[in-house]
Amino acid sequence: MPRSQNKVASHRRRKRILSQAKGYWGARSKVLTVAKHHIDKGLQHAYRDRKTKKRTFRQLWIVRINAAARLNGTTYSRIISGLNKKEVGINRKILADLAVSNAAAFAEVVKFALS
């Protein structure tokens, strides 16, 4: 009796891996074993960097708030401290957006936080 190989499933598996490797350079997109390793590594980087992206954006928002705060004659830490004492629930993302897009509104927030 001949050995069963389940060609359909194995072909689909290879096809899925090579389609995930589309756009990779050279053997990384053509050779199954090489593509497998690079897809695994790429997925590891993707998982790690989804976490890192949150840190990076928070740093960016803090830098923007601090730059705008210094234009208003204060510092980032004084603004955040003042907002926390007044129990204002405005987050850094919104503050950074205000600092970039609407300087007058940010100045009002600064004045409120420091009063």
Protein backbone atom coordinates (compact mmCIF):
# COMPACT_ATOMS: atom_id res chain seq x y z
CA MET A 1 0.00 0.00 0.00
CA PRO A 2 1.47 3.38 -0.97
CA ARG A 3 2.43 5.92 1.66
CA SER A 4 0.06 8.86 2.09
CA GLN A 5 1.77 12.25 2.00
CA ASN A 6 -1.15 14.71 2.27
CA LYS A 7 0.24 16.88 -0.47
CA VAL A 8 -2.61 19.40 -0.29
CA ALA A 9 -1.91 20.41 3.31
CA SER A 10 1.86 20.53 2.90
CA HIS A 11 1.53 22.57 -0.30
CA ARG A 12 -0.76 25.05 1.46
CA ARG A 13 1.67 25.32 4.35
CA ARG A 14 4.59 26.07 2.02
CA LYS A 15 2.49 28.52 0.03
CA ARG A 16 1.42 30.36 3.20
CA ILE A 17 5.02 30.70 4.39
CA LEU A 18 6.29 31.92 1.02
CA SER A 19 3.43 34.39 0.68
CA GLN A 20 4.31 35.80 4.12
CA ALA A 21 7.90 36.19 2.88
CA LYS A 22 6.81 38.16 -0.19
CA GLY A 23 8.97 41.25 -0.58
CA TYR A 24 11.98 39.77 1.19
CA TRP A 25 15.27 39.86 -0.71
CA GLY A 26 16.78 36.89 -2.52
CA ALA A 27 16.51 33.43 -1.00
CA ARG A 28 14.54 34.84 1.93
CA SER A 29 11.50 34.99 -0.34
CA LYS A 30 12.22 31.92 -2.51
CA VAL A 31 13.66 29.09 -0.38
CA LEU A 32 11.29 27.56 2.14
CA THR A 33 13.73 26.85 4.97
CA VAL A 34 15.37 30.29 4.72
CA ALA A 35 11.98 32.01 4.48
CA LYS A 36 10.74 30.15 7.57
CA HIS A 37 13.61 31.47 9.70
CA HIS A 38 13.21 35.04 8.52
CA ILE A 39 9.44 35.03 9.01
CA ASP A 40 9.87 33.75 12.57
CA LYS A 41 12.43 36.46 13.30
CA GLY A 42 10.23 39.09 11.67
CA LEU A 43 7.26 38.09 13.80
CA GLN A 44 9.44 38.30 16.91
CA HIS A 45 10.44 41.84 15.96
CA ALA A 46 6.83 42.76 15.24
CA TYR A 47 5.71 41.52 18.66
CA ARG A 48 8.54 43.33 20.46
CA ASP A 49 8.07 46.57 18.56
CA ARG A 50 4.34 46.75 19.22
CA LYS A 51 5.36 47.19 22.86
CA THR A 52 8.24 49.55 22.05
CA LYS A 53 6.01 51.81 19.95
CA LYS A 54 3.98 52.76 23.02
CA ARG A 55 7.15 53.83 24.87
CA THR A 56 8.44 55.76 21.88
CA PHE A 57 5.23 57.73 21.44
CA ARG A 58 5.07 58.58 25.13
CA GLN A 59 8.63 59.95 24.91
CA LEU A 60 7.67 62.00 21.86
CA TRP A 61 4.62 63.47 23.62
CA ILE A 62 6.72 64.40 26.66
CA VAL A 63 9.31 66.14 24.47
CA ARG A 64 6.60 68.13 22.68
CA ILE A 65 4.89 69.15 25.92
CA ASN A 66 8.20 70.19 27.45
CA ALA A 67 9.16 72.29 24.40
CA ALA A 68 5.80 74.08 24.45
CA ALA A 69 5.99 74.50 28.22
CA ARG A 70 9.35 76.22 27.97
CA LEU A 71 7.88 78.61 25.40
CA ASN A 72 5.33 79.46 28.11
CA GLY A 73 8.03 79.98 30.75
CA THR A 74 7.71 76.76 32.73
CA THR A 75 8.72 73.10 32.55
CA TYR A 76 7.06 69.79 31.78
CA SER A 77 7.24 68.55 35.36
CA ARG A 78 5.61 71.70 36.76
CA ILE A 79 2.70 71.41 34.32
CA ILE A 80 2.11 67.71 35.05
CA SER A 81 2.40 68.32 38.78
CA GLY A 82 -0.06 71.23 38.62
CA LEU A 83 -2.57 69.21 36.58
CA ASN A 84 -2.31 66.28 39.00
CA LYS A 85 -2.90 68.58 42.01
CA LYS A 86 -5.99 70.05 40.31
CA GLU A 87 -7.09 66.48 39.45
CA VAL A 88 -7.39 67.21 35.73
CA GLY A 89 -7.65 64.00 33.71
CA ILE A 90 -5.98 65.19 30.51
CA ASN A 91 -3.40 62.78 29.14
CA ARG A 92 -0.05 63.42 27.50
CA LYS A 93 -1.26 62.55 24.01
CA ILE A 94 -3.92 65.28 24.11
CA LEU A 95 -1.55 67.78 25.74
CA ALA A 96 1.05 67.17 23.04
CA ASP A 97 -1.57 67.59 20.32
CA LEU A 98 -2.68 70.88 21.90
CA ALA A 99 0.93 72.03 22.13
CA VAL A 100 1.50 71.42 18.43
CA SER A 101 -1.82 72.41 16.89
CA ASN A 102 -3.31 75.04 19.24
CA ALA A 103 -0.72 77.06 21.15
CA ALA A 104 -3.30 79.44 22.64
CA ALA A 105 -5.31 76.60 24.20
CA PHE A 106 -2.10 75.05 25.55
CA ALA A 107 -1.17 78.39 27.11
CA GLU A 108 -4.57 78.43 28.87
CA VAL A 109 -3.95 74.91 30.19
CA VAL A 110 -0.52 76.01 31.47
CA LYS A 111 -2.00 79.07 33.15
CA PHE A 112 -4.70 76.91 34.80
CA ALA A 113 -2.18 74.28 35.95
CA LEU A 114 0.14 76.87 37.53
CA SER A 115 -2.55 78.99 39.20
